[in-house]
Amino acid sequence: MDSFILKKSILHKDIFGCPSLLLAPMEGVGDRPFRRAMAAVGGFDLACTEFLRVPSNAHVPSLSKRYMADEISPIPLAAQIMGSDPVSMADMAAALVARGAPQIDLNCGCPSNTVTGRGAGSSLLKTPDLLYEIAAALVKAVDVPVTAKLRSGFADISLFRENLLAAQESGISFLTLHPRTKLDGYGPPARWDLIAQAKELLSIPVVGSGDILTVADAHRMLRETKCDALMIGRGAVTNPWTFHEIRSSFSGQPFVKTLESLHLFFSTFIANFPEEWPLRTRINKLKQIASFQFRQNKELEQFRSQVLTGSYAGEEDFLAQVLPLLEKGCFV
């Protein structure tokens, strides 16, 4: 457990000036098989689980067992929780830390109607006082850093400033901002100007998130927002090497993608599928990842529909048909 304890200064720059690079939590995509596949490729400093939903009547001991501190060792894995009851959330945070969680992250951004209808996720952005109460309860309950991931608002950004200050005043260590509202979903471009505003307003570190799809995007966000670190989600699903490429752009040391790393990503992904998953689920998970990776460039995009509508006898058949296309498109 000691090897997973993080100091308060979680975020840092390396000797070349590259800031901390974080793998984002992503509901439905960023599950354990994906995180382990990404860890096999590497390049990022910290990851975060998809949210654990904590209802007011949660059975904390059993729910907390879903978290595995050494899942992507030696990369630290934060535990993200979501709920609207401060007491249950604090109890869950304490249970997760007892299981080795080096960081607790509060979800204030999930836009799903099934979540927001219960007062959790981005619904907290309608009530800055409750956001503060929950975050403060987490900070009080554990002795590891507590962080929060926020959207810019619920229906609009009228409470943007209030939510940021509520989060900071709770005592959290840093804040990640995905600058879209709940109603925006993932549609319009992320408003990076709001990350810049958050950076000017707050004294705690601000992590920028949203629309970082290329190395150029990463540098532009850092330049335009002055944020302290970068969190990347869908950009990493599309390009598993993105963290290495960003890091290389700071060091000046060339990074070369390899066929071996592509095969390692998929073999690790498949090896971590739960045994109880039926074949259809396994193939659909592979298609889900492929649907992102075949957006890397025009060379690959032309095959995307073919891959997603194809029939496959199993995982090996999928790899036999799809990997040659990815190899051609990724290594042109």
Protein backbone atom coordinates (compact mmCIF):
# COMPACT_ATOMS: atom_id res chain seq x y z
CA MET A 1 0.00 0.00 0.00
CA ASP A 2 2.83 2.43 0.81
CA SER A 3 3.94 2.51 -2.83
CA PHE A 4 0.58 3.93 -3.85
CA ILE A 5 0.43 6.79 -1.35
CA LEU A 6 0.55 10.15 -3.11
CA LYS A 7 1.88 13.31 -1.57
CA LYS A 8 -0.16 16.53 -1.64
CA SER A 9 1.95 17.67 -4.59
CA ILE A 10 0.42 15.10 -6.93
CA LEU A 11 0.98 17.22 -10.01
CA HIS A 12 4.45 18.04 -11.25
CA LYS A 13 6.55 18.78 -14.30
CA ASP A 14 9.27 16.45 -15.48
CA ILE A 15 12.83 17.60 -16.12
CA PHE A 16 11.85 18.69 -19.65
CA GLY A 17 8.89 20.78 -18.50
CA CYS A 18 6.16 18.30 -19.43
CA PRO A 19 3.27 18.61 -16.97
CA SER A 20 1.52 15.66 -15.38
CA LEU A 21 -0.51 13.67 -17.90
CA LEU A 22 -3.67 12.00 -16.57
CA LEU A 23 -5.82 9.29 -18.11
CA ALA A 24 -9.43 10.36 -17.71
CA PRO A 25 -12.23 8.31 -16.18
CA MET A 26 -14.75 7.42 -18.89
CA GLU A 27 -18.05 5.70 -18.20
CA GLY A 28 -18.62 2.79 -20.55
CA VAL A 29 -15.17 3.05 -22.16
CA GLY A 30 -12.51 3.50 -19.48
CA ASP A 31 -13.04 0.22 -17.68
CA ARG A 32 -10.46 -2.12 -16.17
CA PRO A 33 -9.51 -3.89 -19.43
CA PHE A 34 -8.95 -0.53 -21.11
CA ARG A 35 -6.94 0.92 -18.23
CA ARG A 36 -4.70 -2.14 -18.13
CA ALA A 37 -4.22 -2.01 -21.90
CA MET A 38 -3.28 1.67 -21.66
CA ALA A 39 -0.92 0.95 -18.76
CA ALA A 40 0.80 -1.68 -20.90
CA VAL A 41 1.50 1.05 -23.48
CA GLY A 42 2.25 3.61 -20.75
CA GLY A 43 3.22 7.26 -20.87
CA PHE A 44 0.79 8.73 -18.33
CA ASP A 45 1.35 9.62 -14.67
CA LEU A 46 -2.01 8.93 -13.07
CA ALA A 47 -5.33 7.32 -13.90
CA CYS A 48 -8.78 7.41 -12.36
CA THR A 49 -11.48 4.77 -12.23
CA GLU A 50 -14.87 5.26 -13.79
CA PHE A 51 -17.26 6.41 -11.08
CA LEU A 52 -18.53 4.23 -8.27
CA ARG A 53 -22.11 5.32 -7.65
CA VAL A 54 -22.73 5.71 -3.91
CA PRO A 55 -26.44 5.85 -2.98
CA SER A 56 -27.47 6.90 0.52
CA ASN A 57 -28.18 3.26 1.40
CA ALA A 58 -24.95 1.91 -0.11
CA HIS A 59 -23.45 -1.24 1.36
CA VAL A 60 -20.01 0.28 1.58
CA PRO A 61 -17.91 -2.87 2.26
CA SER A 62 -19.15 -4.74 -0.80
CA LEU A 63 -19.20 -1.71 -3.12
CA SER A 64 -15.66 -0.68 -2.22
CA LYS A 65 -14.34 -4.14 -3.18
CA ARG A 66 -14.76 -3.20 -6.83
CA TYR A 67 -11.67 -1.02 -6.47
CA MET A 68 -8.19 -2.56 -6.92
CA ALA A 69 -5.30 -0.32 -5.87
CA ASP A 70 -2.65 -2.31 -7.76
CA GLU A 71 -4.69 -2.60 -10.95
CA ILE A 72 -2.20 -0.70 -13.11
CA SER A 73 0.83 -0.73 -10.78
CA PRO A 74 3.17 1.13 -10.63
CA ILE A 75 0.90 3.86 -12.03
CA PRO A 76 -1.32 5.25 -9.23
CA LEU A 77 -5.06 4.74 -9.67
CA ALA A 78 -7.42 7.25 -8.08
CA ALA A 79 -10.90 6.12 -7.06
CA GLN A 80 -13.74 8.27 -8.35
CA ILE A 81 -17.03 8.29 -6.46
CA MET A 82 -20.36 9.88 -7.23
CA GLY A 83 -23.36 10.54 -5.03
CA SER A 84 -25.35 13.20 -3.21
CA ASP A 85 -25.23 12.08 0.43
CA PRO A 86 -22.19 13.48 2.30
CA VAL A 87 -22.21 10.77 4.99
CA SER A 88 -22.34 7.82 2.57
CA MET A 89 -19.75 9.44 0.34
CA ALA A 90 -17.38 10.00 3.26
CA ASP A 91 -17.83 6.40 4.40
CA MET A 92 -17.06 5.15 0.90
CA ALA A 93 -13.99 7.36 0.63
CA ALA A 94 -12.63 5.96 3.89
CA ALA A 95 -13.29 2.39 2.76
CA LEU A 96 -11.50 2.98 -0.54
CA VAL A 97 -8.48 4.49 1.16
CA ALA A 98 -8.39 1.44 3.46
CA ARG A 99 -8.13 -0.63 0.27
CA GLY A 100 -5.14 1.43 -0.86
CA ALA A 101 -6.68 4.25 -2.89
CA PRO A 102 -4.03 7.01 -3.16
CA GLN A 103 -6.57 9.67 -4.14
CA ILE A 104 -10.34 10.16 -4.01
CA ASP A 105 -11.98 12.02 -6.88
CA LEU A 106 -15.46 13.54 -6.64
CA ASN A 107 -17.55 13.26 -9.80
CA CYS A 108 -19.34 16.55 -10.45
CA GLY A 109 -19.62 16.11 -14.17
CA CYS A 110 -21.47 12.99 -15.30
CA PRO A 111 -24.26 14.19 -17.63
CA SER A 112 -26.30 10.96 -17.67
CA ASN A 113 -29.96 11.57 -16.90
CA THR A 114 -30.11 8.44 -14.75
CA VAL A 115 -27.39 10.01 -12.59
CA THR A 116 -28.47 13.63 -12.53
CA GLY A 117 -32.05 12.62 -11.81
CA ARG A 118 -30.79 11.39 -8.43
CA GLY A 119 -28.98 14.60 -7.58
CA ALA A 120 -25.50 13.32 -8.35
CA GLY A 121 -22.89 13.95 -11.04
CA SER A 122 -23.36 17.26 -12.81
CA SER A 123 -26.53 17.91 -10.76
CA LEU A 124 -24.21 19.04 -7.97
CA LEU A 125 -23.40 22.04 -10.15
CA LYS A 126 -26.90 23.36 -9.45
CA THR A 127 -26.17 23.54 -5.72
CA PRO A 128 -22.68 24.83 -4.88
CA ASP A 129 -23.43 24.49 -1.16
CA LEU A 130 -24.04 20.75 -1.49
CA LEU A 131 -20.97 20.39 -3.68
CA TYR A 132 -18.97 22.03 -0.91
CA GLU A 133 -20.56 19.90 1.80
CA ILE A 134 -19.77 16.62 0.03
CA ALA A 135 -16.22 17.59 -0.95
CA ALA A 136 -15.48 18.86 2.56
CA ALA A 137 -16.81 15.61 4.04
CA LEU A 138 -14.44 13.65 1.80
CA VAL A 139 -11.47 15.81 2.76
CA LYS A 140 -12.27 15.32 6.44
CA ALA A 141 -12.76 11.56 6.07
CA VAL A 142 -9.41 10.64 4.48
CA ASP A 143 -5.73 11.47 4.72
CA VAL A 144 -5.00 11.24 1.00
CA PRO A 145 -5.61 13.97 -1.58
CA VAL A 146 -9.23 14.60 -2.53
CA THR A 147 -9.86 16.06 -5.98
CA ALA A 148 -12.92 16.92 -8.05
CA LYS A 149 -13.83 16.77 -11.73
CA LEU A 150 -16.35 19.40 -12.79
CA ARG A 151 -18.15 20.48 -15.89
CA SER A 152 -18.66 24.19 -16.46
CA GLY A 153 -22.28 24.08 -15.32
CA PHE A 154 -25.60 22.28 -15.55
CA ALA A 155 -27.91 24.08 -18.00
CA ASP A 156 -25.60 27.10 -18.27
CA ILE A 157 -22.53 28.62 -16.65
CA SER A 158 -24.35 31.03 -14.33
CA LEU A 159 -22.92 29.27 -11.24
CA PHE A 160 -19.49 28.63 -12.73
CA ARG A 161 -17.59 30.87 -10.33
CA GLU A 162 -19.59 29.70 -7.30
CA ASN A 163 -18.94 26.04 -8.07
CA LEU A 164 -15.22 26.55 -8.52
CA LEU A 165 -14.89 28.45 -5.26
CA ALA A 166 -17.05 25.92 -3.39
CA ALA A 167 -14.76 23.13 -4.58
CA GLN A 168 -11.62 25.01 -3.61
CA GLU A 169 -12.92 26.07 -0.20
CA SER A 170 -13.72 22.45 0.65
CA GLY A 171 -10.01 21.72 0.84
CA ILE A 172 -9.51 19.62 -2.28
CA SER A 173 -5.99 19.31 -3.69
CA PHE A 174 -6.76 20.10 -7.30
CA LEU A 175 -9.67 20.46 -9.68
CA THR A 176 -10.17 19.10 -13.18
CA LEU A 177 -12.40 21.12 -15.48
CA HIS A 178 -14.17 19.73 -18.54
CA PRO A 179 -15.55 23.00 -19.94
CA ARG A 180 -18.89 21.84 -21.26
CA THR A 181 -22.24 22.01 -19.45
CA LYS A 182 -24.38 19.01 -18.68
CA LEU A 183 -26.71 19.99 -21.52
CA ASP A 184 -23.76 20.30 -23.90
CA GLY A 185 -22.96 16.62 -23.45
CA TYR A 186 -19.95 16.02 -25.69
CA GLY A 187 -21.26 18.06 -28.60
CA PRO A 188 -19.97 21.62 -29.00
CA PRO A 189 -16.27 22.44 -28.73
CA ALA A 190 -14.95 22.58 -25.20
CA ARG A 191 -14.62 26.17 -23.97
CA TRP A 192 -10.97 26.37 -23.08
CA ASP A 193 -11.43 30.03 -22.13
CA LEU A 194 -13.29 28.77 -19.04
CA ILE A 195 -10.24 26.75 -18.01
CA ALA A 196 -8.22 29.95 -18.29
CA GLN A 197 -10.78 31.73 -16.10
CA ALA A 198 -10.63 28.94 -13.53
CA LYS A 199 -6.85 29.16 -13.47
CA GLU A 200 -7.03 32.91 -12.82
CA LEU A 201 -9.66 32.53 -10.09
CA LEU A 202 -8.29 29.60 -8.10
CA SER A 203 -5.16 29.14 -6.03
CA ILE A 204 -5.25 25.32 -6.25
CA PRO A 205 -3.95 23.59 -9.39
CA VAL A 206 -6.32 23.28 -12.35
CA VAL A 207 -6.22 20.33 -14.73
CA GLY A 208 -7.48 21.00 -18.25
CA SER A 209 -9.66 18.47 -20.03
CA GLY A 210 -11.61 18.35 -23.26
CA ASP A 211 -10.77 18.12 -26.98
CA ILE A 212 -7.10 17.18 -26.56
CA LEU A 213 -6.75 14.97 -29.61
CA THR A 214 -3.24 15.80 -30.84
CA VAL A 215 0.12 16.96 -29.53
CA ALA A 216 -0.67 20.38 -30.99
CA ASP A 217 -3.92 20.45 -28.99
CA ALA A 218 -2.01 19.68 -25.80
CA HIS A 219 0.43 22.53 -26.32
CA ARG A 220 -2.33 24.93 -27.33
CA MET A 221 -4.34 24.15 -24.18
CA LEU A 222 -1.30 24.69 -21.98
CA ARG A 223 -0.50 27.94 -23.77
CA GLU A 224 -4.03 29.35 -23.84
CA THR A 225 -5.23 28.29 -20.39
CA LYS A 226 -2.03 28.13 -18.30
CA CYS A 227 -3.46 24.97 -16.71
CA ASP A 228 -1.22 22.87 -14.49
CA ALA A 229 -1.76 19.45 -16.04
CA LEU A 230 -3.68 17.67 -18.80
CA MET A 231 -6.36 14.98 -18.53
CA ILE A 232 -7.05 13.06 -21.71
CA GLY A 233 -9.88 10.61 -22.30
CA ARG A 234 -11.23 10.01 -25.77
CA GLY A 235 -8.01 11.24 -27.34
CA ALA A 236 -6.23 8.36 -25.62
CA VAL A 237 -8.81 5.83 -26.78
CA THR A 238 -8.28 7.04 -30.33
CA ASN A 239 -4.50 7.11 -30.03
CA PRO A 240 -3.05 4.97 -27.22
CA TRP A 241 0.40 6.51 -27.81
CA THR A 242 -0.77 10.10 -27.25
CA PHE A 243 0.87 10.45 -23.84
CA HIS A 244 4.24 9.30 -25.17
CA GLU A 245 3.92 11.69 -28.12
CA ILE A 246 3.15 14.65 -25.86
CA ARG A 247 6.01 13.79 -23.53
CA SER A 248 8.37 13.40 -26.48
CA SER A 249 7.43 16.84 -27.76
CA PHE A 250 8.86 18.32 -24.55
CA SER A 251 12.00 16.21 -24.33
CA GLY A 252 12.88 16.40 -27.98
CA GLN A 253 13.63 12.71 -27.85
CA PRO A 254 11.85 10.95 -30.73
CA PHE A 255 9.08 8.53 -29.89
CA VAL A 256 8.47 5.72 -32.34
CA LYS A 257 5.25 3.72 -32.30
CA THR A 258 5.80 0.00 -32.69
CA LEU A 259 3.73 -2.87 -33.96
CA GLU A 260 4.63 -4.69 -30.76
CA SER A 261 2.94 -2.00 -28.65
CA LEU A 262 -0.20 -2.16 -30.80
CA HIS A 263 -0.39 -5.92 -30.34
CA LEU A 264 0.37 -5.55 -26.63
CA PHE A 265 -2.51 -3.09 -26.24
CA PHE A 266 -5.04 -5.49 -27.74
CA SER A 267 -3.68 -8.64 -26.13
CA THR A 268 -3.79 -6.97 -22.70
CA PHE A 269 -7.26 -5.61 -23.40
CA ILE A 270 -8.60 -9.05 -24.28
CA ALA A 271 -6.75 -10.82 -21.45
CA ASN A 272 -8.58 -8.66 -18.92
CA PHE A 273 -12.10 -9.32 -20.15
CA PRO A 274 -14.17 -10.79 -17.29
CA GLU A 275 -14.61 -14.53 -17.73
CA GLU A 276 -18.39 -14.22 -17.51
CA TRP A 277 -18.61 -11.96 -20.57
CA PRO A 278 -20.29 -13.76 -23.48
CA LEU A 279 -18.67 -13.67 -26.91
CA ARG A 280 -21.03 -10.97 -28.15
CA THR A 281 -20.01 -8.63 -25.34
CA ARG A 282 -16.32 -9.29 -26.00
CA ILE A 283 -16.64 -8.51 -29.69
CA ASN A 284 -18.70 -5.40 -28.98
CA LYS A 285 -15.99 -4.13 -26.60
CA LEU A 286 -13.39 -4.64 -29.31
CA LYS A 287 -15.58 -2.84 -31.81
CA GLN A 288 -16.05 0.02 -29.34
CA ILE A 289 -12.30 0.57 -29.08
CA ALA A 290 -11.88 0.13 -32.83
CA SER A 291 -14.58 2.74 -33.47
CA PHE A 292 -12.25 5.28 -31.85
CA GLN A 293 -8.95 4.03 -33.22
CA PHE A 294 -10.18 4.03 -36.80
CA ARG A 295 -10.65 7.79 -36.49
CA GLN A 296 -6.91 8.41 -36.21
CA ASN A 297 -6.56 9.47 -39.83
CA LYS A 298 -8.24 9.36 -43.22
CA GLU A 299 -6.34 6.21 -44.13
CA LEU A 300 -8.11 4.37 -41.31
CA GLU A 301 -11.44 6.20 -41.42
CA GLN A 302 -12.36 4.57 -44.71
CA PHE A 303 -12.36 1.13 -43.04
CA ARG A 304 -14.28 2.10 -39.90
CA SER A 305 -17.75 1.11 -41.10
CA GLN A 306 -16.41 -2.17 -42.45
CA VAL A 307 -14.90 -3.04 -39.07
CA LEU A 308 -17.96 -2.07 -37.05
CA THR A 309 -20.43 -4.00 -39.22
CA GLY A 310 -18.21 -7.05 -39.67
CA SER A 311 -18.88 -10.49 -38.23
CA TYR A 312 -16.22 -12.21 -36.15
CA ALA A 313 -15.99 -15.77 -34.85
CA GLY A 314 -14.06 -14.65 -31.78
CA GLU A 315 -11.37 -12.33 -30.50
CA GLU A 316 -8.63 -13.96 -32.55
CA ASP A 317 -10.71 -13.62 -35.70
CA PHE A 318 -11.30 -9.96 -34.88
CA LEU A 319 -7.58 -9.33 -34.45
CA ALA A 320 -6.75 -11.25 -37.63
CA GLN A 321 -9.07 -9.02 -39.65
CA VAL A 322 -8.60 -5.68 -37.91
CA LEU A 323 -4.95 -5.49 -36.82
CA PRO A 324 -3.57 -5.51 -40.38
CA LEU A 325 -5.74 -2.48 -41.17
CA LEU A 326 -4.58 -0.67 -38.04
CA GLU A 327 -0.99 -1.58 -38.76
CA LYS A 328 -1.26 -0.11 -42.23
CA GLY A 329 -3.05 3.03 -41.05
CA CYS A 330 -0.99 3.71 -37.92
CA PHE A 331 2.42 3.06 -39.40
CA VAL A 332 2.18 4.69 -42.82
